[in-house]
Protein backbone atom coordinates (compact mmCIF):
# COMPACT_ATOMS: atom_id res chain seq x y z
CA MET A 1 1.82 21.44 -6.67
CA ALA A 2 -1.27 21.74 -8.88
CA ASP A 3 -0.04 20.03 -12.13
CA ALA A 4 -3.44 18.85 -13.30
CA CYS A 5 -4.21 19.88 -16.89
CA ASP A 6 -6.84 22.59 -17.84
CA GLY A 7 -9.40 20.12 -19.10
CA CYS A 8 -9.42 17.93 -15.94
CA LEU A 9 -9.54 21.05 -13.69
CA ARG A 10 -12.50 22.30 -15.76
CA ARG A 11 -14.22 18.89 -15.38
CA THR A 12 -13.85 18.93 -11.73
CA ALA A 13 -15.16 22.41 -11.40
CA LEU A 14 -18.24 21.29 -13.50
CA LEU A 15 -18.99 18.45 -11.06
CA ALA A 16 -18.78 20.79 -8.14
CA ALA A 17 -21.06 23.37 -9.84
CA LEU A 18 -23.62 20.58 -10.52
CA ALA A 19 -23.48 19.05 -7.07
CA ALA A 20 -27.12 19.91 -5.99
CA ARG A 21 -28.39 18.67 -9.43
CA LEU A 22 -26.25 15.40 -9.16
CA ASP A 23 -28.03 14.46 -5.94
CA ILE A 24 -31.26 14.25 -8.10
CA GLU A 25 -29.59 12.46 -11.05
CA TRP A 26 -27.99 9.99 -8.69
CA ARG A 27 -31.20 8.72 -7.55
CA ARG A 28 -32.67 8.50 -11.01
CA ARG A 29 -30.03 6.10 -12.29
CA SER A 30 -29.54 2.31 -11.51
CA ALA A 31 -25.74 2.68 -11.77
CA PRO A 32 -24.12 5.65 -10.04
CA SER A 33 -21.14 5.47 -12.32
CA GLY A 34 -23.43 6.31 -15.22
CA VAL A 35 -23.62 9.93 -14.17
CA LEU A 36 -19.90 10.55 -13.69
CA SER A 37 -19.03 8.93 -17.02
CA LEU A 38 -21.09 11.31 -18.96
CA PRO A 39 -19.23 13.76 -21.24
CA ASP A 40 -19.02 17.50 -20.15
CA GLU A 41 -21.69 18.40 -22.67
CA ALA A 42 -24.23 15.94 -21.34
CA LEU A 43 -23.46 17.00 -17.71
CA ILE A 44 -23.98 20.61 -18.67
CA GLY A 45 -27.38 19.75 -20.14
CA LEU A 46 -28.53 18.52 -16.72
CA ASP A 47 -28.85 22.19 -15.66
CA PRO A 48 -31.82 23.70 -17.51
CA THR A 49 -31.07 27.22 -16.05
CA GLY A 50 -27.95 27.69 -18.10
CA VAL A 51 -26.03 28.95 -15.01
CA VAL A 52 -23.68 25.92 -14.99
CA ALA A 53 -22.98 26.32 -18.76
CA ALA A 54 -22.05 29.89 -18.25
CA ALA A 55 -19.70 29.09 -15.29
CA HIS A 56 -18.14 26.35 -17.34
CA ALA A 57 -17.43 28.71 -20.21
CA ARG A 58 -15.63 31.27 -18.07
CA PHE A 59 -13.64 28.80 -15.98
CA ALA A 60 -10.10 30.05 -15.36
CA PRO A 61 -7.53 27.21 -14.89
CA ALA A 62 -4.80 29.46 -13.50
CA ALA A 63 -7.15 30.80 -10.72
CA GLU A 64 -8.04 27.27 -9.80
CA ARG A 65 -4.48 26.27 -9.49
CA LYS A 66 -3.82 29.18 -7.09
CA ARG A 67 -6.82 28.15 -5.07
CA ILE A 68 -5.46 24.54 -4.87
CA GLU A 69 -1.97 25.78 -3.75
CA ALA A 70 -3.57 28.14 -1.31
CA ALA A 71 -5.26 25.25 0.29
CA ALA A 72 -1.86 23.50 0.64
CA LEU A 73 -3.05 20.66 -1.72
CA ALA A 74 -1.36 18.99 -4.65
CA ALA A 75 -3.37 18.03 -7.69
CA VAL A 76 -2.74 15.31 -10.29
CA CYS A 77 -5.04 14.45 -13.10
CA ARG A 78 -5.75 11.24 -15.13
CA CYS A 79 -3.69 12.55 -17.95
CA SER A 80 -0.56 12.46 -15.79
CA PRO A 81 1.80 9.38 -15.51
CA ALA A 82 1.68 10.17 -11.78
CA TYR A 83 -1.92 9.29 -11.50
CA PRO A 84 -2.62 6.02 -9.80
CA SER A 85 -2.96 3.39 -12.52
CA ARG A 86 -5.54 1.31 -10.62
CA LEU A 87 -8.01 4.11 -10.78
CA LEU A 88 -7.88 4.12 -14.49
CA GLU A 89 -9.57 0.70 -14.44
CA LEU A 90 -12.79 2.41 -13.13
CA PRO A 91 -15.37 3.22 -15.71
CA ASP A 92 -15.36 6.77 -14.50
CA PRO A 93 -11.94 7.52 -13.00
CA PRO A 94 -11.77 10.93 -11.13
CA ALA A 95 -10.53 13.69 -13.49
CA VAL A 96 -8.46 15.14 -10.61
CA LEU A 97 -7.18 13.91 -7.37
CA HIS A 98 -6.64 16.68 -4.72
CA VAL A 99 -4.06 15.58 -2.28
CA ALA A 100 -3.20 16.61 1.25
CA GLY A 101 -0.06 14.93 2.38
CA ASP A 102 2.39 12.54 0.59
CA ARG A 103 1.14 11.52 -2.83
CA ALA A 104 3.56 8.48 -2.76
CA ALA A 105 1.10 6.80 -0.27
CA LEU A 106 -1.06 6.23 -3.43
CA GLU A 107 1.51 4.12 -5.11
CA ASP A 108 0.97 0.78 -3.20
CA VAL A 109 -0.63 -1.53 -5.66
CA ASN A 110 -1.25 -3.98 -2.76
CA ALA A 111 -3.25 -1.45 -0.69
CA VAL A 112 -6.25 -2.75 1.21
CA ALA A 113 -9.42 -0.91 1.82
CA VAL A 114 -11.02 -1.46 5.26
CA VAL A 115 -14.59 -0.18 5.49
CA GLY A 116 -17.74 -0.59 7.54
CA ALA A 117 -20.49 0.82 9.79
CA ARG A 118 -20.47 4.35 10.98
CA ARG A 119 -22.16 3.18 14.26
CA GLY A 120 -19.88 0.12 14.79
CA THR A 121 -20.23 -2.18 17.75
CA PRO A 122 -17.34 -2.67 20.18
CA TYR A 123 -16.69 -6.00 18.30
CA GLY A 124 -16.52 -4.27 14.94
CA LEU A 125 -14.49 -1.35 16.09
CA SER A 126 -11.97 -3.71 17.72
CA VAL A 127 -11.67 -5.92 14.65
CA ALA A 128 -11.32 -2.86 12.40
CA ARG A 129 -8.54 -1.32 14.48
CA SER A 130 -6.66 -4.70 14.88
CA LEU A 131 -6.84 -5.31 11.21
CA GLY A 132 -5.60 -1.88 10.32
CA GLN A 133 -2.74 -2.25 12.64
CA SER A 134 -1.89 -5.75 11.45
CA LEU A 135 -1.95 -4.69 7.74
CA SER A 136 0.19 -1.68 8.52
CA THR A 137 2.63 -3.75 10.47
CA ALA A 138 2.93 -6.11 7.48
CA GLY A 139 3.75 -3.09 5.19
CA THR A 140 0.36 -2.70 3.52
CA THR A 141 -1.31 0.73 2.98
CA VAL A 142 -4.62 0.93 4.58
CA VAL A 143 -7.37 2.88 2.67
CA SER A 144 -10.60 4.02 4.08
CA GLY A 145 -13.07 6.98 4.25
CA LEU A 146 -12.27 8.77 7.61
CA ALA A 147 -15.97 8.30 8.53
CA LEU A 148 -16.90 7.57 12.13
CA GLY A 149 -16.94 4.08 13.43
CA VAL A 150 -15.18 1.31 11.36
CA ASP A 151 -13.35 3.60 8.95
CA SER A 152 -11.82 5.73 11.79
CA ALA A 153 -10.89 2.59 13.72
CA ALA A 154 -9.06 1.06 10.77
CA HIS A 155 -7.10 4.41 10.22
CA LEU A 156 -6.19 4.55 13.96
CA GLY A 157 -5.03 0.93 13.87
CA ALA A 158 -2.72 1.70 10.92
CA LEU A 159 -1.40 4.86 12.55
CA ASP A 160 -0.77 2.77 15.86
CA ALA A 161 1.68 0.87 13.68
CA SER A 162 3.08 3.91 12.03
CA GLY A 163 2.10 2.69 8.61
CA ARG A 164 0.91 4.35 5.44
CA VAL A 165 -2.64 5.58 5.41
CA VAL A 166 -4.92 6.96 2.68
CA ALA A 167 -8.26 8.61 3.52
CA VAL A 168 -10.71 9.38 0.68
CA LEU A 169 -13.34 12.21 1.43
CA ALA A 170 -16.55 13.10 -0.12
CA GLY A 171 -15.78 16.87 0.29
CA GLY A 172 -12.65 18.86 -0.16
CA ALA A 173 -9.45 17.21 0.93
CA ASP A 174 -8.51 20.25 2.91
CA VAL A 175 -11.76 20.12 5.03
CA PRO A 176 -11.85 17.40 7.86
CA TYR A 177 -15.04 15.47 7.62
CA PRO A 178 -16.72 14.86 9.89
CA ALA A 179 -15.36 17.88 11.88
CA ARG A 180 -14.84 15.84 14.98
CA ASN A 181 -12.17 13.87 13.11
CA ARG A 182 -10.06 16.93 12.63
CA ALA A 183 -7.13 15.43 14.74
CA LEU A 184 -7.37 12.15 12.85
CA HIS A 185 -7.38 14.08 9.46
CA ARG A 186 -4.11 15.78 10.58
CA ARG A 187 -2.53 12.46 11.60
CA VAL A 188 -3.38 10.82 8.27
CA VAL A 189 -1.89 13.75 6.41
CA GLU A 190 1.24 13.32 8.40
CA ARG A 191 1.55 9.62 7.82
CA GLY A 192 -0.02 9.30 4.30
CA CYS A 193 -2.44 11.52 2.42
CA VAL A 194 -5.99 12.60 2.37
CA ILE A 195 -7.57 12.87 -1.19
CA SER A 196 -10.74 14.01 -2.93
CA GLU A 197 -11.85 14.31 -6.51
CA LEU A 198 -13.63 17.56 -5.64
CA PRO A 199 -12.02 21.00 -5.30
CA PRO A 200 -10.78 22.63 -2.04
CA GLY A 201 -13.50 23.73 0.35
CA PHE A 202 -16.20 21.65 -1.24
CA ALA A 203 -18.99 20.67 1.17
CA PRO A 204 -20.04 17.02 0.56
CA HIS A 205 -23.44 16.08 -1.05
CA ARG A 206 -25.12 12.74 -0.69
CA TRP A 207 -23.97 11.55 -4.16
CA ALA A 208 -20.47 12.34 -3.23
CA PHE A 209 -20.29 9.71 -0.51
CA VAL A 210 -21.19 7.00 -2.97
CA ALA A 211 -18.80 8.39 -5.51
CA ARG A 212 -16.07 8.55 -2.89
CA ASN A 213 -16.68 4.79 -2.28
CA ARG A 214 -15.59 3.90 -5.92
CA ILE A 215 -12.31 5.65 -5.29
CA ILE A 216 -11.65 3.71 -2.16
CA ALA A 217 -12.36 0.48 -4.00
CA GLY A 218 -10.36 1.64 -7.00
CA LEU A 219 -7.15 2.25 -4.98
CA ALA A 220 -7.26 -1.14 -3.23
CA ALA A 221 -6.33 -4.52 -4.37
CA MET A 222 -8.87 -5.92 -1.95
CA THR A 223 -11.80 -4.33 -0.02
CA VAL A 224 -12.71 -5.71 3.35
CA VAL A 225 -16.10 -4.97 5.01
CA VAL A 226 -15.71 -5.37 8.72
CA GLU A 227 -19.29 -4.69 9.96
CA ALA A 228 -22.30 -3.47 7.98
CA THR A 229 -26.07 -3.50 8.12
CA GLU A 230 -28.00 -4.92 5.09
CA ARG A 231 -28.41 -1.37 3.71
CA SER A 232 -25.01 0.11 4.83
CA GLY A 233 -23.28 2.44 2.45
CA SER A 234 -19.98 0.53 2.80
CA LEU A 235 -21.57 -2.23 0.79
CA THR A 236 -21.40 -0.02 -2.25
CA THR A 237 -17.61 -0.07 -1.83
CA ALA A 238 -17.70 -3.78 -2.10
CA ASP A 239 -19.89 -3.56 -5.15
CA PHE A 240 -17.52 -1.15 -6.86
CA ALA A 241 -14.62 -3.49 -6.06
CA ALA A 242 -16.38 -6.48 -7.58
CA GLN A 243 -17.23 -4.45 -10.74
CA VAL A 244 -13.63 -3.92 -11.54
CA GLY A 245 -12.51 -7.36 -10.64
CA ARG A 246 -10.90 -6.70 -7.30
CA ALA A 247 -11.21 -9.03 -4.30
CA VAL A 248 -13.88 -8.49 -1.77
CA GLY A 249 -13.64 -9.90 1.81
CA ALA A 250 -15.91 -9.61 4.91
CA VAL A 251 -15.34 -10.29 8.60
CA PRO A 252 -18.08 -12.59 9.94
CA GLY A 253 -20.21 -11.42 12.83
CA PRO A 254 -22.93 -12.61 15.19
CA VAL A 255 -25.98 -13.74 13.12
CA THR A 256 -28.14 -12.13 15.83
CA SER A 257 -26.68 -8.66 15.18
CA ARG A 258 -28.02 -6.42 12.44
CA PHE A 259 -24.68 -4.62 12.30
CA SER A 260 -23.25 -7.87 10.85
CA ALA A 261 -26.12 -8.67 8.44
CA GLY A 262 -24.50 -7.01 5.44
CA ALA A 263 -21.03 -8.38 5.97
CA ASN A 264 -22.54 -11.93 6.57
CA ALA A 265 -24.56 -11.64 3.45
CA LEU A 266 -21.37 -10.75 1.43
CA ILE A 267 -19.80 -13.92 2.73
CA ALA A 268 -22.92 -16.00 1.77
CA ALA A 269 -22.59 -14.53 -1.78
CA GLY A 270 -18.95 -15.62 -2.09
CA ALA A 271 -16.85 -12.96 -0.44
CA VAL A 272 -13.61 -14.08 1.13
CA VAL A 273 -14.04 -14.81 4.87
CA VAL A 274 -11.61 -12.68 6.64
CA ARG A 275 -10.44 -14.11 10.04
CA ASP A 276 -7.18 -12.32 10.40
CA VAL A 277 -4.63 -10.54 8.39
CA ARG A 278 -3.32 -13.63 6.89
CA ASP A 279 -6.60 -14.25 5.02
CA VAL A 280 -6.14 -10.79 3.38
CA ARG A 281 -2.42 -11.31 2.63
CA ASP A 282 -3.07 -14.69 0.98
CA ILE A 283 -5.58 -13.11 -1.39
CA VAL A 284 -3.55 -9.94 -2.11
CA LEU A 285 -0.05 -11.42 -2.36
CA GLY A 286 -0.85 -15.07 -3.04
CA PRO A 287 -0.19 -18.13 -0.90
CA GLY A 288 3.53 -17.77 -1.42
CA ALA A 289 3.63 -14.41 0.51
CA PRO A 290 6.32 -14.05 3.27
CA PRO A 291 4.84 -15.19 6.61
CA ILE A 292 3.83 -12.60 9.19
CA ALA A 293 3.89 -12.77 12.97
CA VAL A 294 0.45 -13.12 14.60
CA ALA A 295 0.30 -13.21 18.43
CA PRO A 296 -0.72 -16.50 19.86
CA ALA A 297 -4.43 -17.03 20.56
CA GLU A 298 -4.01 -17.50 24.33
CA PRO A 299 -1.23 -16.89 26.83
CA PRO A 300 0.32 -20.00 28.42
CA GLU A 301 0.02 -18.83 31.96
CA PRO A 302 -3.36 -19.91 33.61
CA HIS A 303 -4.00 -16.65 35.42
CA LEU A 304 -3.53 -14.59 32.26
CA ARG A 305 -5.59 -17.12 30.25
CA ARG A 306 -8.43 -16.73 32.70
CA LEU A 307 -8.40 -12.98 32.16
CA VAL A 308 -8.35 -13.21 28.48
CA ARG A 309 -11.37 -15.66 28.43
CA ALA A 310 -13.26 -13.27 30.92
CA ILE A 311 -12.63 -10.40 28.49
CA GLU A 312 -13.89 -12.47 25.61
CA ARG A 313 -17.14 -13.11 27.57
CA GLY A 314 -17.61 -9.27 27.90
CA HIS A 315 -16.05 -8.53 31.25
CA GLY A 316 -14.06 -5.62 29.79
CA THR A 317 -13.23 -3.21 32.76
CA PRO A 318 -10.68 -3.72 35.55
CA ALA A 319 -13.47 -3.43 38.10
CA GLU A 320 -15.45 -6.23 36.50
CA LEU A 321 -12.43 -8.44 36.24
CA ALA A 322 -11.40 -7.64 39.87
CA GLY A 323 -14.89 -8.39 40.97
CA ARG A 324 -14.31 -12.00 39.97
CA GLY A 325 -12.12 -12.56 42.98
CA GLU A 326 -8.90 -10.87 41.72
CA ASP A 327 -6.86 -8.10 43.47
CA PHE A 328 -7.46 -4.85 41.60
CA ALA A 329 -3.84 -3.84 41.39
CA ARG A 330 -2.92 -7.32 40.32
CA VAL A 331 -5.52 -7.23 37.66
CA LEU A 332 -4.19 -3.96 36.27
CA HIS A 333 -0.61 -5.39 36.21
CA HIS A 334 -1.85 -8.42 34.33
CA LEU A 335 -3.80 -6.34 31.83
CA THR A 336 -0.70 -4.29 31.01
CA GLU A 337 1.18 -7.52 30.46
CA LEU A 338 -1.46 -8.77 28.09
CA GLU A 339 -1.45 -5.51 26.21
CA LEU A 340 2.37 -5.63 25.90
CA ARG A 341 1.97 -9.04 24.23
CA GLY A 342 -0.63 -7.73 21.85
CA LEU A 343 -3.42 -10.01 23.22
CA VAL A 344 -5.82 -7.32 24.54
CA ARG A 345 -6.07 -3.57 24.23
CA ARG A 346 -8.15 -0.80 25.64
CA ASP A 347 -11.10 0.08 23.42
CA PHE A 348 -12.58 3.58 22.85
CA GLY A 349 -14.83 3.35 25.93
CA GLY A 350 -11.93 2.30 28.23
CA ARG A 351 -12.96 -1.39 28.18
CA TYR A 352 -10.44 -4.12 27.36
CA VAL A 353 -11.09 -6.20 24.31
CA ARG A 354 -9.37 -9.01 22.50
CA ALA A 355 -6.68 -7.66 20.18
CA GLN A 356 -4.70 -10.49 18.80
CA GLY A 357 -2.89 -8.32 16.25
CA ALA A 358 -5.51 -9.41 13.87
CA PRO A 359 -9.30 -10.18 14.12
């Protein structure tokens, strides 16, 4: 149901009409939020042609509501009591949230954002998926951006545990982005919601990805960066979180990997070191939070412990593990046993990696 007010719908249409111009303005300003906090009149003034002003004047709220409903979206504006209160703490809260799925997924005040590199390493993807699963198992809503890499891994981990998931898009909430994540988009809608501040069918521009990150940070009590280069866009999510006084955490990575340079730099600057889900829960819920189960670090059986240690050293396929003097069928049986215990899992490429139920 599109129950957003006329003024907020008009504001959203204005941002969409100015999209190409905002790409230019975004690069000119030191703080991205400076653009989106401008009043309508100032935004209209960014277009010297007058085309945007004319479109703004003839905007038809009723037609926009029909368009939203035709896209099977709901819409809630910042004037509504149903609007997530945490977003109102942003200097430029989105005028409208377009929602595909269950809007109730936005109500978790202890939600945690998990973000990181689009080209994550097997280590980063494994950690992100395990963290998403552990948070979800503990009853925490996982928020991310549906991007390739760490974002997708975090979403998949949460979905593995059948938990609540929120994905924030830079384009229309009705359009899976990237397109290859169409199936993941559908699963998130089924288990939570996909949201965007921009109208249905909107094709994302560069500025919209950074703008999207402020929403991710705004919805979360804590933002965790799993893996990021020094110039990763995911670091802007951490910046937005810090600006509104939210906790920021990072998963440490190898000092020799450029993919961990940004996350390690956050830790050096004072971000919370995230080793497993308990570090996140201690910050979000406080040290008195109910304990959660985390799988033991190693199995007690020597033969299974040898397999786990070999996997930790990078020997991730059954063939590699069997090549170490083990019977192939027996290795497969032991890997299945380790999976059932939550100590290892099969990664995207078919390799086995450590998955302790937490990073």
